[in-house]
Amino acid sequence: MNRFLKASTTFAIVTCLFAGVSSIALGGPNDVNKNLEVLDGATQSRNLKTVNGSISVGKNATLAGASVVNGMVTVGDKSTIGNIRTVNGDVELGDSVLIRGQVKTVTGNVTAGRKAEFRKGIETVTGSVELNDGTKVASSVETVTGSIQVGPDSVIKSALRTVTGAINVTGPATVDRIENRRGDVNLEKALIRKDVRLRDPKEGKNNLVNEDQPDTVRVGPGTHIKGSIIADRPIKLLVHKDAKIEGSIKGTTAELYGE
């Protein structure tokens, strides 16, 4: 997505997910009230879809895609899968998993093991995203009311975006840009190629936050921001003496620490 998540975007995500689920009865391996499984080393060239059940993919396996209404999706180490969609369920990915499509949840968390690779983006509504060491994401990672955690040696080629969630990058890691409307931001040994934007929560139709308690944005040691820090709302900005910001600081004043 090219713009920051708004209320209309949230509804679009939910609508898209339910549209995908409504096609369960139209063909392809699927079931209701049953768990579905792809065994270790097996290949399933068609999508698996279930309503009240989970989908489990073993190690070194291949699956075209997975859609679940009430249940989770788990994918074992070194497996490959296409799109993953859940309405009410978590997505748990093992080490060195390749996800060729998008990952979308409504009320589910997304957790990726070490060296997972996402060829497209990750979107959740009320879930959090945890990306462990060496994760690669070719598009954006977005949540509405969940947090985002990025581990060392990871590369996010587009944005990390939340509406009311914290963002935590523990590097060395590379992120294109960062945006949120509410929530703390913590960066350590992170390379941010563009801006860090702390948007006004009153932007648009909704007032999302009581601003009596400003969020903290911490630019920790070893962090390098090539763009600017732009604050459209009150924040507490802490910048370590060993951090570097090439652009300007707009809308707030930095407090230096680490002396």
C-alpha atoms as a PDB file:
ATOM      1  CA  MET A   1       0.000   0.000   0.000  1.00  0.00           C
ATOM      2  CA  ASN A   2       1.337   3.422  -0.954  1.00  0.00           C
ATOM      3  CA  ARG A   3      -0.444   5.456   1.710  1.00  0.00           C
ATOM      4  CA  PHE A   4      -0.837   5.189   5.436  1.00  0.00           C
ATOM      5  CA  LEU A   5      -3.615   2.917   6.747  1.00  0.00           C
ATOM      6  CA  LYS A   6      -6.917   4.705   7.274  1.00  0.00           C
ATOM      7  CA  ALA A   7     -10.297   3.471   8.431  1.00  0.00           C
ATOM      8  CA  SER A   8     -11.340   2.778   4.854  1.00  0.00           C
ATOM      9  CA  THR A   9      -8.239   0.665   4.364  1.00  0.00           C
ATOM     10  CA  THR A  10      -9.115  -1.419   7.397  1.00  0.00           C
ATOM     11  CA  PHE A  11     -12.548  -2.171   5.998  1.00  0.00           C
ATOM     12  CA  ALA A  12     -10.986  -2.994   2.633  1.00  0.00           C
ATOM     13  CA  ILE A  13      -8.671  -5.535   4.244  1.00  0.00           C
ATOM     14  CA  VAL A  14     -11.547  -7.227   6.084  1.00  0.00           C
ATOM     15  CA  THR A  15     -13.722  -7.215   2.958  1.00  0.00           C
ATOM     16  CA  CYS A  16     -10.938  -8.789   0.918  1.00  0.00           C
ATOM     17  CA  LEU A  17     -10.379 -11.503   3.494  1.00  0.00           C
ATOM     18  CA  PHE A  18     -14.040 -12.419   3.699  1.00  0.00           C
ATOM     19  CA  ALA A  19     -14.295 -12.383  -0.092  1.00  0.00           C
ATOM     20  CA  GLY A  20     -11.534 -14.959  -0.233  1.00  0.00           C
ATOM     21  CA  VAL A  21     -13.184 -17.105   2.432  1.00  0.00           C
ATOM     22  CA  SER A  22     -16.571 -16.999   0.691  1.00  0.00           C
ATOM     23  CA  SER A  23     -15.079 -18.935  -2.225  1.00  0.00           C
ATOM     24  CA  ILE A  24     -14.408 -22.022  -0.090  1.00  0.00           C
ATOM     25  CA  ALA A  25     -17.343 -23.940  -1.525  1.00  0.00           C
ATOM     26  CA  LEU A  26     -16.348 -23.250  -5.121  1.00  0.00           C
ATOM     27  CA  GLY A  27     -13.792 -25.987  -5.506  1.00  0.00           C
ATOM     28  CA  GLY A  28     -10.348 -27.068  -4.396  1.00  0.00           C
ATOM     29  CA  PRO A  29      -9.353 -29.089  -1.319  1.00  0.00           C
ATOM     30  CA  ASN A  30     -11.411 -27.712   1.567  1.00  0.00           C
ATOM     31  CA  ASP A  31     -13.459 -28.749   4.537  1.00  0.00           C
ATOM     32  CA  VAL A  32     -15.571 -27.501   7.429  1.00  0.00           C
ATOM     33  CA  ASN A  33     -14.951 -28.384  11.078  1.00  0.00           C
ATOM     34  CA  LYS A  34     -11.779 -30.262  10.183  1.00  0.00           C
ATOM     35  CA  ASN A  35      -8.046 -29.683  10.434  1.00  0.00           C
ATOM     36  CA  LEU A  36      -6.093 -29.985   7.171  1.00  0.00           C
ATOM     37  CA  GLU A  37      -2.477 -31.095   6.853  1.00  0.00           C
ATOM     38  CA  VAL A  38       0.352 -31.209   4.330  1.00  0.00           C
ATOM     39  CA  LEU A  39       2.938 -33.781   5.415  1.00  0.00           C
ATOM     40  CA  ASP A  40       6.714 -33.275   5.522  1.00  0.00           C
ATOM     41  CA  GLY A  41       8.164 -33.157   2.017  1.00  0.00           C
ATOM     42  CA  ALA A  42       4.737 -33.269   0.327  1.00  0.00           C
ATOM     43  CA  THR A  43       3.434 -30.969  -2.421  1.00  0.00           C
ATOM     44  CA  GLN A  44      -0.148 -29.678  -2.603  1.00  0.00           C
ATOM     45  CA  SER A  45      -0.656 -27.708  -5.813  1.00  0.00           C
ATOM     46  CA  ARG A  46      -4.102 -26.410  -4.896  1.00  0.00           C
ATOM     47  CA  ASN A  47      -5.259 -24.110  -2.110  1.00  0.00           C
ATOM     48  CA  LEU A  48      -6.418 -25.542   1.206  1.00  0.00           C
ATOM     49  CA  LYS A  49      -9.453 -23.849   2.745  1.00  0.00           C
ATOM     50  CA  THR A  50     -11.333 -24.541   5.960  1.00  0.00           C
ATOM     51  CA  VAL A  51     -13.886 -22.799   8.157  1.00  0.00           C
ATOM     52  CA  ASN A  52     -13.587 -24.186  11.692  1.00  0.00           C
ATOM     53  CA  GLY A  53     -10.208 -25.859  11.605  1.00  0.00           C
ATOM     54  CA  SER A  54      -6.503 -25.265  11.271  1.00  0.00           C
ATOM     55  CA  ILE A  55      -4.068 -25.838   8.413  1.00  0.00           C
ATOM     56  CA  SER A  56      -0.691 -27.380   9.180  1.00  0.00           C
ATOM     57  CA  VAL A  57       2.182 -27.605   6.680  1.00  0.00           C
ATOM     58  CA  GLY A  58       5.127 -29.850   7.531  1.00  0.00           C
ATOM     59  CA  LYS A  59       8.827 -29.295   6.885  1.00  0.00           C
ATOM     60  CA  ASN A  60      10.231 -29.080   3.334  1.00  0.00           C
ATOM     61  CA  ALA A  61       6.689 -29.054   1.959  1.00  0.00           C
ATOM     62  CA  THR A  62       4.941 -26.962  -0.708  1.00  0.00           C
ATOM     63  CA  LEU A  63       1.399 -25.578  -0.617  1.00  0.00           C
ATOM     64  CA  ALA A  64      -0.329 -23.308  -3.144  1.00  0.00           C
ATOM     65  CA  GLY A  65      -2.152 -21.315  -0.476  1.00  0.00           C
ATOM     66  CA  ALA A  66      -4.114 -21.462   2.785  1.00  0.00           C
ATOM     67  CA  SER A  67      -7.383 -19.780   3.869  1.00  0.00           C
ATOM     68  CA  VAL A  68      -8.942 -20.196   7.313  1.00  0.00           C
ATOM     69  CA  VAL A  69     -11.927 -18.585   9.033  1.00  0.00           C
ATOM     70  CA  ASN A  70     -11.609 -19.839  12.631  1.00  0.00           C
ATOM     71  CA  GLY A  71      -8.247 -21.509  13.042  1.00  0.00           C
ATOM     72  CA  MET A  72      -4.522 -21.032  12.675  1.00  0.00           C
ATOM     73  CA  VAL A  73      -2.018 -21.696   9.904  1.00  0.00           C
ATOM     74  CA  THR A  74       1.363 -23.221  10.768  1.00  0.00           C
ATOM     75  CA  VAL A  75       4.170 -23.781   8.277  1.00  0.00           C
ATOM     76  CA  GLY A  76       7.243 -25.907   9.045  1.00  0.00           C
ATOM     77  CA  ASP A  77      10.890 -25.124   8.367  1.00  0.00           C
ATOM     78  CA  LYS A  78      12.084 -24.732   4.767  1.00  0.00           C
ATOM     79  CA  SER A  79       8.588 -24.958   3.281  1.00  0.00           C
ATOM     80  CA  THR A  80       7.057 -22.858   0.504  1.00  0.00           C
ATOM     81  CA  ILE A  81       3.531 -21.466   0.461  1.00  0.00           C
ATOM     82  CA  GLY A  82       1.513 -18.959  -1.549  1.00  0.00           C
ATOM     83  CA  ASN A  83      -1.083 -16.622  -0.024  1.00  0.00           C
ATOM     84  CA  ILE A  84      -2.076 -17.062   3.626  1.00  0.00           C
ATOM     85  CA  ARG A  85      -5.348 -15.630   4.898  1.00  0.00           C
ATOM     86  CA  THR A  86      -7.037 -16.008   8.268  1.00  0.00           C
ATOM     87  CA  VAL A  87     -10.010 -14.237   9.782  1.00  0.00           C
ATOM     88  CA  ASN A  88      -9.705 -15.414  13.386  1.00  0.00           C
ATOM     89  CA  GLY A  89      -6.410 -17.232  13.743  1.00  0.00           C
ATOM     90  CA  ASP A  90      -2.660 -16.842  14.078  1.00  0.00           C
ATOM     91  CA  VAL A  91      -0.038 -17.517  11.408  1.00  0.00           C
ATOM     92  CA  GLU A  92       3.115 -19.253  12.644  1.00  0.00           C
ATOM     93  CA  LEU A  93       6.000 -19.739  10.210  1.00  0.00           C
ATOM     94  CA  GLY A  94       9.150 -21.780  10.823  1.00  0.00           C
ATOM     95  CA  ASP A  95      12.743 -21.071   9.831  1.00  0.00           C
ATOM     96  CA  SER A  96      13.676 -20.446   6.179  1.00  0.00           C
ATOM     97  CA  VAL A  97      10.062 -20.453   5.006  1.00  0.00           C
ATOM     98  CA  LEU A  98       9.321 -18.877   1.609  1.00  0.00           C
ATOM     99  CA  ILE A  99       5.955 -17.094   1.307  1.00  0.00           C
ATOM    100  CA  ARG A 100       5.293 -16.307  -2.337  1.00  0.00           C
ATOM    101  CA  GLY A 101       2.025 -14.430  -1.763  1.00  0.00           C
ATOM    102  CA  GLN A 102       0.532 -12.056   0.773  1.00  0.00           C
ATOM    103  CA  VAL A 103      -0.123 -12.797   4.422  1.00  0.00           C
ATOM    104  CA  LYS A 104      -3.367 -11.247   5.720  1.00  0.00           C
ATOM    105  CA  THR A 105      -5.160 -11.705   9.032  1.00  0.00           C
ATOM    106  CA  VAL A 106      -8.024  -9.950  10.775  1.00  0.00           C
ATOM    107  CA  THR A 107      -7.629 -11.034  14.425  1.00  0.00           C
ATOM    108  CA  GLY A 108      -4.478 -13.112  14.192  1.00  0.00           C
ATOM    109  CA  ASN A 109      -0.817 -12.591  15.017  1.00  0.00           C
ATOM    110  CA  VAL A 110       1.913 -13.309  12.450  1.00  0.00           C
ATOM    111  CA  THR A 111       5.159 -14.862  13.690  1.00  0.00           C
ATOM    112  CA  ALA A 112       8.067 -15.753  11.388  1.00  0.00           C
ATOM    113  CA  GLY A 113      11.115 -17.833  12.275  1.00  0.00           C
ATOM    114  CA  ARG A 114      14.675 -17.104  11.255  1.00  0.00           C
ATOM    115  CA  LYS A 115      15.461 -16.300   7.611  1.00  0.00           C
ATOM    116  CA  ALA A 116      11.848 -16.289   6.447  1.00  0.00           C
ATOM    117  CA  GLU A 117      11.280 -14.629   3.079  1.00  0.00           C
ATOM    118  CA  PHE A 118       8.088 -12.795   2.114  1.00  0.00           C
ATOM    119  CA  ARG A 119       7.798 -12.056  -1.607  1.00  0.00           C
ATOM    120  CA  LYS A 120       4.857  -9.719  -0.876  1.00  0.00           C
ATOM    121  CA  GLY A 121       3.554  -7.889   2.182  1.00  0.00           C
ATOM    122  CA  ILE A 122       2.018  -8.603   5.584  1.00  0.00           C
ATOM    123  CA  GLU A 123      -1.250  -7.044   6.783  1.00  0.00           C
ATOM    124  CA  THR A 124      -3.147  -7.521  10.051  1.00  0.00           C
ATOM    125  CA  VAL A 125      -6.028  -5.650  11.650  1.00  0.00           C
ATOM    126  CA  THR A 126      -5.932  -6.562  15.358  1.00  0.00           C
ATOM    127  CA  GLY A 127      -2.847  -8.752  15.323  1.00  0.00           C
ATOM    128  CA  SER A 128       0.838  -8.166  15.937  1.00  0.00           C
ATOM    129  CA  VAL A 129       3.758  -9.090  13.681  1.00  0.00           C
ATOM    130  CA  GLU A 130       7.006 -10.631  14.946  1.00  0.00           C
ATOM    131  CA  LEU A 131       9.802 -11.123  12.408  1.00  0.00           C
ATOM    132  CA  ASN A 132      12.863 -12.943  13.690  1.00  0.00           C
ATOM    133  CA  ASP A 133      16.511 -12.798  12.597  1.00  0.00           C
ATOM    134  CA  GLY A 134      17.280 -12.596   8.902  1.00  0.00           C
ATOM    135  CA  THR A 135      13.712 -12.006   7.678  1.00  0.00           C
ATOM    136  CA  LYS A 136      13.240 -10.457   4.219  1.00  0.00           C
ATOM    137  CA  VAL A 137      10.009  -8.696   3.209  1.00  0.00           C
ATOM    138  CA  ALA A 138       9.682  -7.329  -0.322  1.00  0.00           C
ATOM    139  CA  SER A 139       6.738  -5.062   0.490  1.00  0.00           C
ATOM    140  CA  SER A 140       5.230  -3.310   3.519  1.00  0.00           C
ATOM    141  CA  VAL A 141       4.333  -4.653   6.972  1.00  0.00           C
ATOM    142  CA  GLU A 142       1.124  -3.073   8.283  1.00  0.00           C
ATOM    143  CA  THR A 143      -1.075  -3.399  11.360  1.00  0.00           C
ATOM    144  CA  VAL A 144      -3.980  -1.408  12.732  1.00  0.00           C
ATOM    145  CA  THR A 145      -3.985  -2.147  16.486  1.00  0.00           C
ATOM    146  CA  GLY A 146      -0.993  -4.470  16.726  1.00  0.00           C
ATOM    147  CA  SER A 147       2.728  -3.979  17.247  1.00  0.00           C
ATOM    148  CA  ILE A 148       5.584  -4.790  14.852  1.00  0.00           C
ATOM    149  CA  GLN A 149       8.859  -6.383  15.948  1.00  0.00           C
ATOM    150  CA  VAL A 150      11.795  -6.756  13.531  1.00  0.00           C
ATOM    151  CA  GLY A 151      14.883  -8.787  14.461  1.00  0.00           C
ATOM    152  CA  PRO A 152      18.571  -8.494  13.515  1.00  0.00           C
ATOM    153  CA  ASP A 153      19.814  -8.919   9.936  1.00  0.00           C
ATOM    154  CA  SER A 154      16.316  -8.365   8.538  1.00  0.00           C
ATOM    155  CA  VAL A 155      15.487  -6.309   5.440  1.00  0.00           C
ATOM    156  CA  ILE A 156      12.099  -4.624   4.943  1.00  0.00           C
ATOM    157  CA  LYS A 157      12.089  -3.142   1.441  1.00  0.00           C
ATOM    158  CA  SER A 158       9.050  -0.965   2.071  1.00  0.00           C
ATOM    159  CA  ALA A 159       7.387   0.570   5.138  1.00  0.00           C
ATOM    160  CA  LEU A 160       6.587  -0.513   8.663  1.00  0.00           C
ATOM    161  CA  ARG A 161       3.167   1.021   9.424  1.00  0.00           C
ATOM    162  CA  THR A 162       0.843   0.905  12.419  1.00  0.00           C
ATOM    163  CA  VAL A 163      -2.155   2.937  13.469  1.00  0.00           C
ATOM    164  CA  THR A 164      -2.095   2.332  17.248  1.00  0.00           C
ATOM    165  CA  GLY A 165       0.807  -0.070  17.656  1.00  0.00           C
ATOM    166  CA  ALA A 166       4.423   0.123  18.771  1.00  0.00           C
ATOM    167  CA  ILE A 167       7.301  -0.460  16.334  1.00  0.00           C
ATOM    168  CA  ASN A 168      10.531  -2.070  17.512  1.00  0.00           C
ATOM    169  CA  VAL A 169      13.543  -2.674  15.250  1.00  0.00           C
ATOM    170  CA  THR A 170      16.529  -4.452  16.803  1.00  0.00           C
ATOM    171  CA  GLY A 171      19.339  -4.437  14.277  1.00  0.00           C
ATOM    172  CA  PRO A 172      21.457  -4.517  12.450  1.00  0.00           C
ATOM    173  CA  ALA A 173      18.378  -4.329  10.234  1.00  0.00           C
ATOM    174  CA  THR A 174      17.291  -2.260   7.225  1.00  0.00           C
ATOM    175  CA  VAL A 175      13.851  -0.670   6.791  1.00  0.00           C
ATOM    176  CA  ASP A 176      12.682   1.646   4.013  1.00  0.00           C
ATOM    177  CA  ARG A 177      10.561   3.938   6.221  1.00  0.00           C
ATOM    178  CA  ILE A 178       8.435   3.990   9.372  1.00  0.00           C
ATOM    179  CA  GLU A 179       4.983   5.477  10.025  1.00  0.00           C
ATOM    180  CA  ASN A 180       2.452   5.361  12.848  1.00  0.00           C
ATOM    181  CA  ARG A 181      -0.258   7.432  14.523  1.00  0.00           C
ATOM    182  CA  ARG A 182       0.056   6.107  18.049  1.00  0.00           C
ATOM    183  CA  GLY A 183       2.640   3.925  19.760  1.00  0.00           C
ATOM    184  CA  ASP A 184       6.267   4.023  20.816  1.00  0.00           C
ATOM    185  CA  VAL A 185       9.062   3.540  18.276  1.00  0.00           C
ATOM    186  CA  ASN A 186      12.334   1.925  19.339  1.00  0.00           C
ATOM    187  CA  LEU A 187      15.264   1.692  16.914  1.00  0.00           C
ATOM    188  CA  GLU A 188      18.614   0.098  17.683  1.00  0.00           C
ATOM    189  CA  LYS A 189      21.337  -0.519  15.095  1.00  0.00           C
ATOM    190  CA  ALA A 190      18.711   0.158  12.438  1.00  0.00           C
ATOM    191  CA  LEU A 191      19.234   1.641   8.983  1.00  0.00           C
ATOM    192  CA  ILE A 192      16.152   3.628   7.929  1.00  0.00           C
ATOM    193  CA  ARG A 193      16.528   4.571   4.276  1.00  0.00           C
ATOM    194  CA  LYS A 194      13.855   7.289   4.269  1.00  0.00           C
ATOM    195  CA  ASP A 195      11.739   9.138   6.852  1.00  0.00           C
ATOM    196  CA  VAL A 196      10.345   8.270  10.252  1.00  0.00           C
ATOM    197  CA  ARG A 197       6.860   9.836  10.286  1.00  0.00           C
ATOM    198  CA  LEU A 198       4.818  10.214  13.476  1.00  0.00           C
ATOM    199  CA  ARG A 199       1.467  11.170  12.103  1.00  0.00           C
ATOM    200  CA  ASP A 200      -1.313  13.148  13.745  1.00  0.00           C
ATOM    201  CA  PRO A 201      -3.871  10.694  15.186  1.00  0.00           C
ATOM    202  CA  LYS A 202      -6.595  13.260  14.520  1.00  0.00           C
ATOM    203  CA  GLU A 203      -5.883  13.076  10.788  1.00  0.00           C
ATOM    204  CA  GLY A 204      -8.994  11.969   8.976  1.00  0.00           C
ATOM    205  CA  LYS A 205     -12.320  11.347  10.705  1.00  0.00           C
ATOM    206  CA  ASN A 206     -11.234   9.752  13.975  1.00  0.00           C
ATOM    207  CA  ASN A 207      -9.443  11.029  17.060  1.00  0.00           C
ATOM    208  CA  LEU A 208      -7.491   7.908  17.993  1.00  0.00           C
ATOM    209  CA  VAL A 209      -5.688   9.061  21.074  1.00  0.00           C
ATOM    210  CA  ASN A 210      -5.620  11.177  24.223  1.00  0.00           C
ATOM    211  CA  GLU A 211      -2.367  13.064  23.805  1.00  0.00           C
ATOM    212  CA  ASP A 212      -1.827  13.747  27.525  1.00  0.00           C
ATOM    213  CA  GLN A 213       0.753  10.925  27.417  1.00  0.00           C
ATOM    214  CA  PRO A 214       3.067  11.424  24.405  1.00  0.00           C
ATOM    215  CA  ASP A 215       4.701   8.426  22.778  1.00  0.00           C
ATOM    216  CA  THR A 216       8.437   7.881  23.035  1.00  0.00           C
ATOM    217  CA  VAL A 217      10.558   7.614  19.896  1.00  0.00           C
ATOM    218  CA  ARG A 218      14.000   6.244  20.745  1.00  0.00           C
ATOM    219  CA  VAL A 219      16.753   6.449  18.143  1.00  0.00           C
ATOM    220  CA  GLY A 220      19.229   4.088  19.778  1.00  0.00           C
ATOM    221  CA  PRO A 221      22.958   3.500  19.361  1.00  0.00           C
ATOM    222  CA  GLY A 222      24.135   2.533  15.890  1.00  0.00           C
ATOM    223  CA  THR A 223      20.937   3.728  14.219  1.00  0.00           C
ATOM    224  CA  HIS A 224      21.261   5.622  10.932  1.00  0.00           C
ATOM    225  CA  ILE A 225      18.271   7.499   9.532  1.00  0.00           C
ATOM    226  CA  LYS A 226      18.957   8.739   6.015  1.00  0.00           C
ATOM    227  CA  GLY A 227      15.764  10.776   5.895  1.00  0.00           C
ATOM    228  CA  SER A 228      14.065  13.031   8.424  1.00  0.00           C
ATOM    229  CA  ILE A 229      12.078  12.551  11.616  1.00  0.00           C
ATOM    230  CA  ILE A 230       8.735  14.288  11.124  1.00  0.00           C
ATOM    231  CA  ALA A 231       6.413  14.604  14.122  1.00  0.00           C
ATOM    232  CA  ASP A 232       2.838  15.692  13.416  1.00  0.00           C
ATOM    233  CA  ARG A 233       1.889  14.968  17.038  1.00  0.00           C
ATOM    234  CA  PRO A 234       3.553  15.524  20.438  1.00  0.00           C
ATOM    235  CA  ILE A 235       6.267  12.920  21.087  1.00  0.00           C
ATOM    236  CA  LYS A 236       9.289  12.452  23.310  1.00  0.00           C
ATOM    237  CA  LEU A 237      12.290  12.034  21.010  1.00  0.00           C
ATOM    238  CA  LEU A 238      15.436  10.454  22.451  1.00  0.00           C
ATOM    239  CA  VAL A 239      18.517  10.320  20.216  1.00  0.00           C
ATOM    240  CA  HIS A 240      21.663   8.429  21.244  1.00  0.00           C
ATOM    241  CA  LYS A 241      24.986  10.183  20.770  1.00  0.00           C
ATOM    242  CA  ASP A 242      26.111   7.326  18.478  1.00  0.00           C
ATOM    243  CA  ALA A 243      23.033   7.605  16.227  1.00  0.00           C
ATOM    244  CA  LYS A 244      23.006   9.539  12.943  1.00  0.00           C
ATOM    245  CA  ILE A 245      20.147  11.472  11.345  1.00  0.00           C
ATOM    246  CA  GLU A 246      20.989  12.853   7.897  1.00  0.00           C
ATOM    247  CA  GLY A 247      17.758  14.764   7.411  1.00  0.00           C
ATOM    248  CA  SER A 248      16.051  17.268   9.656  1.00  0.00           C
ATOM    249  CA  ILE A 249      13.961  16.919  12.799  1.00  0.00           C
ATOM    250  CA  LYS A 250      10.574  18.554  12.324  1.00  0.00           C
ATOM    251  CA  GLY A 251       7.797  19.165  14.830  1.00  0.00           C
ATOM    252  CA  THR A 252       9.725  18.192  17.952  1.00  0.00           C
ATOM    253  CA  THR A 253      13.042  18.637  19.753  1.00  0.00           C
ATOM    254  CA  ALA A 254      15.507  15.822  20.328  1.00  0.00           C
ATOM    255  CA  GLU A 255      16.932  14.925  23.731  1.00  0.00           C
ATOM    256  CA  LEU A 256      20.468  13.570  23.466  1.00  0.00           C
ATOM    257  CA  TYR A 257      21.381  10.608  25.679  1.00  0.00           C
ATOM    258  CA  GLY A 258      24.312   8.246  26.128  1.00  0.00           C
ATOM    259  CA  GLU A 259      26.842  10.892  27.149  1.00  0.00           C
END
